[in-house]
Amino acid sequence: MKFKTKYIIMAIIIVVALAIDLISKHLFSDISYTKIIPYIIAFQTNGGNTGAAFGIFSKSTTFLIILSIIIVVAMLFADFSLKIKTKTYTIGFGLILAGALGNFIDRIALGYVRDFIMFDFWKSFPIFNFADCCIVIGAVLVCVHFIFLSKADKNGTN
């Protein structure tokens, strides 16, 4: 994959995933408990998450905004330095940035992140949103790249 193509694909992923995140938060963040797929997925508003995953750093919005900026800038610097070109990495990196941006926008605009997706079979698991899904899936893809595909990328075969 060419350098320019990589960033076009990444930009498309970011725009589409960010749009899905913001639209879904707008549509579903004020919903009472509703089963979407019975016994699997339900939507329920949690009143807004002022922390990060699993409620860590609760009521630390300013800290999380600053931390998000630092992490995204470091990731962008690393990306430009490493010049990785696999599709797996590109998609994963784009999803991570989209998710981070979606939650960043909520923190800046609202002071909290709108979460509404829950596992109906695991009610004690924290409520989350589409941006969180993007970050997790993106991180898995980036890990897959580094564990399984980075050697092929260095040889220019992937």
C-alpha atoms as a PDB file:
ATOM      1  CA  MET A   1       0.000   0.000   0.000  1.00  0.00           C
ATOM      2  CA  LYS A   2       1.342   3.402  -0.968  1.00  0.00           C
ATOM      3  CA  PHE A   3       1.899   6.093   1.653  1.00  0.00           C
ATOM      4  CA  LYS A   4      -0.774   8.390   0.154  1.00  0.00           C
ATOM      5  CA  THR A   5      -3.316   5.549  -0.187  1.00  0.00           C
ATOM      6  CA  LYS A   6      -2.768   4.623   3.462  1.00  0.00           C
ATOM      7  CA  TYR A   7      -3.795   8.073   4.673  1.00  0.00           C
ATOM      8  CA  ILE A   8      -6.787   8.285   2.326  1.00  0.00           C
ATOM      9  CA  ILE A   9      -8.064   4.944   3.667  1.00  0.00           C
ATOM     10  CA  MET A  10      -7.347   6.047   7.237  1.00  0.00           C
ATOM     11  CA  ALA A  11      -9.198   9.349   6.711  1.00  0.00           C
ATOM     12  CA  ILE A  12     -12.246   7.542   5.303  1.00  0.00           C
ATOM     13  CA  ILE A  13     -12.270   5.155   8.288  1.00  0.00           C
ATOM     14  CA  ILE A  14     -12.002   8.062  10.730  1.00  0.00           C
ATOM     15  CA  VAL A  15     -14.800  10.068   9.090  1.00  0.00           C
ATOM     16  CA  VAL A  16     -17.199   7.100   8.788  1.00  0.00           C
ATOM     17  CA  ALA A  17     -16.525   5.691  12.284  1.00  0.00           C
ATOM     18  CA  LEU A  18     -16.706   9.148  13.877  1.00  0.00           C
ATOM     19  CA  ALA A  19     -20.010   9.860  12.119  1.00  0.00           C
ATOM     20  CA  ILE A  20     -21.469   6.541  13.307  1.00  0.00           C
ATOM     21  CA  ASP A  21     -20.282   7.261  16.851  1.00  0.00           C
ATOM     22  CA  LEU A  22     -21.663  10.789  17.069  1.00  0.00           C
ATOM     23  CA  ILE A  23     -24.961   9.902  15.391  1.00  0.00           C
ATOM     24  CA  SER A  24     -25.470   6.840  17.591  1.00  0.00           C
ATOM     25  CA  LYS A  25     -24.703   8.858  20.724  1.00  0.00           C
ATOM     26  CA  HIS A  26     -27.209  11.483  19.642  1.00  0.00           C
ATOM     27  CA  LEU A  27     -29.919   8.920  18.871  1.00  0.00           C
ATOM     28  CA  PHE A  28     -29.473   6.510  21.759  1.00  0.00           C
ATOM     29  CA  SER A  29     -27.808   8.269  24.696  1.00  0.00           C
ATOM     30  CA  ASP A  30     -31.124   9.254  26.308  1.00  0.00           C
ATOM     31  CA  ILE A  31     -32.783   5.868  26.019  1.00  0.00           C
ATOM     32  CA  SER A  32     -34.165   3.838  28.891  1.00  0.00           C
ATOM     33  CA  TYR A  33     -33.355   0.145  29.064  1.00  0.00           C
ATOM     34  CA  THR A  34     -34.186  -1.393  25.671  1.00  0.00           C
ATOM     35  CA  LYS A  35     -33.219  -4.846  24.455  1.00  0.00           C
ATOM     36  CA  ILE A  36     -31.715  -4.692  20.983  1.00  0.00           C
ATOM     37  CA  ILE A  37     -30.719  -8.352  20.627  1.00  0.00           C
ATOM     38  CA  PRO A  38     -32.404 -10.187  23.525  1.00  0.00           C
ATOM     39  CA  TYR A  39     -29.955 -11.660  26.034  1.00  0.00           C
ATOM     40  CA  ILE A  40     -27.006 -10.195  24.111  1.00  0.00           C
ATOM     41  CA  ILE A  41     -27.100  -6.400  23.576  1.00  0.00           C
ATOM     42  CA  ALA A  42     -29.261  -3.719  25.175  1.00  0.00           C
ATOM     43  CA  PHE A  43     -29.189   0.076  25.168  1.00  0.00           C
ATOM     44  CA  GLN A  44     -29.391   2.018  28.407  1.00  0.00           C
ATOM     45  CA  THR A  45     -28.235   5.500  29.332  1.00  0.00           C
ATOM     46  CA  ASN A  46     -25.760   5.630  32.200  1.00  0.00           C
ATOM     47  CA  GLY A  47     -26.049   9.356  32.831  1.00  0.00           C
ATOM     48  CA  GLY A  48     -22.655  10.128  31.333  1.00  0.00           C
ATOM     49  CA  ASN A  49     -19.204   8.786  32.084  1.00  0.00           C
ATOM     50  CA  THR A  50     -16.833  11.381  33.541  1.00  0.00           C
ATOM     51  CA  GLY A  51     -14.015   8.828  33.690  1.00  0.00           C
ATOM     52  CA  ALA A  52     -12.306   6.401  31.370  1.00  0.00           C
ATOM     53  CA  ALA A  53     -12.787   2.657  30.869  1.00  0.00           C
ATOM     54  CA  PHE A  54     -14.345   0.845  33.826  1.00  0.00           C
ATOM     55  CA  GLY A  55     -14.834   4.198  35.569  1.00  0.00           C
ATOM     56  CA  ILE A  56     -11.147   4.834  36.268  1.00  0.00           C
ATOM     57  CA  PHE A  57     -10.214   8.512  36.677  1.00  0.00           C
ATOM     58  CA  SER A  58     -13.842   9.352  37.405  1.00  0.00           C
ATOM     59  CA  LYS A  59     -14.511  13.104  37.460  1.00  0.00           C
ATOM     60  CA  SER A  60     -11.126  13.795  35.827  1.00  0.00           C
ATOM     61  CA  THR A  61     -12.354  15.274  32.551  1.00  0.00           C
ATOM     62  CA  THR A  62      -9.567  17.843  32.191  1.00  0.00           C
ATOM     63  CA  PHE A  63      -6.892  15.228  32.893  1.00  0.00           C
ATOM     64  CA  LEU A  64      -8.464  12.841  30.347  1.00  0.00           C
ATOM     65  CA  ILE A  65      -8.651  15.586  27.695  1.00  0.00           C
ATOM     66  CA  ILE A  66      -4.945  16.383  28.168  1.00  0.00           C
ATOM     67  CA  LEU A  67      -4.014  12.687  28.261  1.00  0.00           C
ATOM     68  CA  SER A  68      -5.990  12.049  25.060  1.00  0.00           C
ATOM     69  CA  ILE A  69      -4.163  14.849  23.263  1.00  0.00           C
ATOM     70  CA  ILE A  70      -0.753  13.563  24.405  1.00  0.00           C
ATOM     71  CA  ILE A  71      -1.525   9.967  23.396  1.00  0.00           C
ATOM     72  CA  VAL A  72      -2.920  10.908  19.969  1.00  0.00           C
ATOM     73  CA  VAL A  73       0.053  13.192  19.213  1.00  0.00           C
ATOM     74  CA  ALA A  74       2.471  10.431  20.279  1.00  0.00           C
ATOM     75  CA  MET A  75       0.611   7.900  18.140  1.00  0.00           C
ATOM     76  CA  LEU A  76       0.694  10.202  15.105  1.00  0.00           C
ATOM     77  CA  PHE A  77       4.402  10.853  15.604  1.00  0.00           C
ATOM     78  CA  ALA A  78       5.077   7.109  15.851  1.00  0.00           C
ATOM     79  CA  ASP A  79       2.944   6.425  12.785  1.00  0.00           C
ATOM     80  CA  PHE A  80       4.778   8.968  10.648  1.00  0.00           C
ATOM     81  CA  SER A  81       8.137   7.675  11.911  1.00  0.00           C
ATOM     82  CA  LEU A  82       7.443   3.968  11.411  1.00  0.00           C
ATOM     83  CA  LYS A  83       5.860   4.272   7.946  1.00  0.00           C
ATOM     84  CA  ILE A  84       3.866   1.046   8.408  1.00  0.00           C
ATOM     85  CA  LYS A  85       1.775   0.186   5.363  1.00  0.00           C
ATOM     86  CA  THR A  86      -0.237  -2.973   6.081  1.00  0.00           C
ATOM     87  CA  LYS A  87      -4.007  -2.780   5.682  1.00  0.00           C
ATOM     88  CA  THR A  88      -4.485  -4.333   9.121  1.00  0.00           C
ATOM     89  CA  TYR A  89      -2.426  -1.607  10.795  1.00  0.00           C
ATOM     90  CA  THR A  90      -4.022   1.188   8.737  1.00  0.00           C
ATOM     91  CA  ILE A  91      -7.578   0.103   9.572  1.00  0.00           C
ATOM     92  CA  GLY A  92      -6.693  -0.445  13.241  1.00  0.00           C
ATOM     93  CA  PHE A  93      -4.931   2.891  13.584  1.00  0.00           C
ATOM     94  CA  GLY A  94      -7.841   4.690  11.899  1.00  0.00           C
ATOM     95  CA  LEU A  95     -10.341   3.052  14.250  1.00  0.00           C
ATOM     96  CA  ILE A  96      -8.301   4.011  17.322  1.00  0.00           C
ATOM     97  CA  LEU A  97      -8.102   7.638  16.183  1.00  0.00           C
ATOM     98  CA  ALA A  98     -11.839   7.739  15.365  1.00  0.00           C
ATOM     99  CA  GLY A  99     -12.752   6.329  18.770  1.00  0.00           C
ATOM    100  CA  ALA A 100     -10.414   8.671  20.600  1.00  0.00           C
ATOM    101  CA  LEU A 101     -11.790  11.639  18.670  1.00  0.00           C
ATOM    102  CA  GLY A 102     -15.421  10.633  19.325  1.00  0.00           C
ATOM    103  CA  ASN A 103     -14.901  10.457  23.083  1.00  0.00           C
ATOM    104  CA  PHE A 104     -12.705  13.593  22.996  1.00  0.00           C
ATOM    105  CA  ILE A 105     -15.525  15.559  21.342  1.00  0.00           C
ATOM    106  CA  ASP A 106     -17.940  14.430  24.074  1.00  0.00           C
ATOM    107  CA  ARG A 107     -15.517  15.433  26.838  1.00  0.00           C
ATOM    108  CA  ILE A 108     -14.937  18.872  25.317  1.00  0.00           C
ATOM    109  CA  ALA A 109     -18.597  19.570  24.464  1.00  0.00           C
ATOM    110  CA  LEU A 110     -20.359  17.934  27.417  1.00  0.00           C
ATOM    111  CA  GLY A 111     -17.774  17.301  30.135  1.00  0.00           C
ATOM    112  CA  TYR A 112     -18.500  13.553  29.992  1.00  0.00           C
ATOM    113  CA  VAL A 113     -18.769  10.693  27.502  1.00  0.00           C
ATOM    114  CA  ARG A 114     -22.177   9.382  26.440  1.00  0.00           C
ATOM    115  CA  ASP A 115     -22.330   5.607  26.915  1.00  0.00           C
ATOM    116  CA  PHE A 116     -25.381   3.504  26.103  1.00  0.00           C
ATOM    117  CA  ILE A 117     -24.428  -0.006  24.887  1.00  0.00           C
ATOM    118  CA  MET A 118     -24.496  -2.825  27.396  1.00  0.00           C
ATOM    119  CA  PHE A 119     -24.162  -6.592  27.377  1.00  0.00           C
ATOM    120  CA  ASP A 120     -27.581  -7.912  28.344  1.00  0.00           C
ATOM    121  CA  PHE A 121     -26.019 -11.176  29.539  1.00  0.00           C
ATOM    122  CA  TRP A 122     -23.341  -9.443  31.654  1.00  0.00           C
ATOM    123  CA  LYS A 123     -25.042  -6.591  33.460  1.00  0.00           C
ATOM    124  CA  SER A 124     -22.046  -5.837  35.697  1.00  0.00           C
ATOM    125  CA  PHE A 125     -19.863  -5.020  32.659  1.00  0.00           C
ATOM    126  CA  PRO A 126     -19.549  -1.252  32.143  1.00  0.00           C
ATOM    127  CA  ILE A 127     -21.812   0.487  29.639  1.00  0.00           C
ATOM    128  CA  PHE A 128     -19.880   1.680  26.567  1.00  0.00           C
ATOM    129  CA  ASN A 129     -20.322   3.340  23.166  1.00  0.00           C
ATOM    130  CA  PHE A 130     -19.349   2.891  19.514  1.00  0.00           C
ATOM    131  CA  ALA A 131     -16.128   4.902  20.001  1.00  0.00           C
ATOM    132  CA  ASP A 132     -15.034   2.449  22.701  1.00  0.00           C
ATOM    133  CA  CYS A 133     -15.696  -0.435  20.286  1.00  0.00           C
ATOM    134  CA  CYS A 134     -13.556   1.300  17.654  1.00  0.00           C
ATOM    135  CA  ILE A 135     -10.676   1.739  20.106  1.00  0.00           C
ATOM    136  CA  VAL A 136     -10.764  -1.903  21.216  1.00  0.00           C
ATOM    137  CA  ILE A 137     -11.098  -3.350  17.696  1.00  0.00           C
ATOM    138  CA  GLY A 138      -8.414  -0.955  16.428  1.00  0.00           C
ATOM    139  CA  ALA A 139      -6.027  -1.921  19.229  1.00  0.00           C
ATOM    140  CA  VAL A 140      -6.544  -5.615  18.445  1.00  0.00           C
ATOM    141  CA  LEU A 141      -5.792  -4.995  14.756  1.00  0.00           C
ATOM    142  CA  VAL A 142      -2.646  -2.998  15.551  1.00  0.00           C
ATOM    143  CA  CYS A 143      -1.496  -5.788  17.891  1.00  0.00           C
ATOM    144  CA  VAL A 144      -2.178  -8.365  15.163  1.00  0.00           C
ATOM    145  CA  HIS A 145       0.012  -6.285  12.852  1.00  0.00           C
ATOM    146  CA  PHE A 146       2.913  -6.125  15.294  1.00  0.00           C
ATOM    147  CA  ILE A 147       2.666  -9.773  16.366  1.00  0.00           C
ATOM    148  CA  PHE A 148       1.998 -11.444  13.023  1.00  0.00           C
ATOM    149  CA  LEU A 149       2.475  -9.045  10.100  1.00  0.00           C
ATOM    150  CA  SER A 150       5.309  -6.636  10.910  1.00  0.00           C
ATOM    151  CA  LYS A 151       7.983  -8.956   9.483  1.00  0.00           C
ATOM    152  CA  ALA A 152       6.071  -9.223   6.194  1.00  0.00           C
ATOM    153  CA  ASP A 153       5.667  -5.428   6.122  1.00  0.00           C
ATOM    154  CA  LYS A 154       9.439  -4.918   6.499  1.00  0.00           C
ATOM    155  CA  ASN A 155       9.991  -7.256   3.553  1.00  0.00           C
ATOM    156  CA  GLY A 156       7.392  -5.368   1.530  1.00  0.00           C
ATOM    157  CA  THR A 157       5.289  -8.501   1.035  1.00  0.00           C
ATOM    158  CA  ASN A 158       2.138  -7.361   2.811  1.00  0.00           C
END
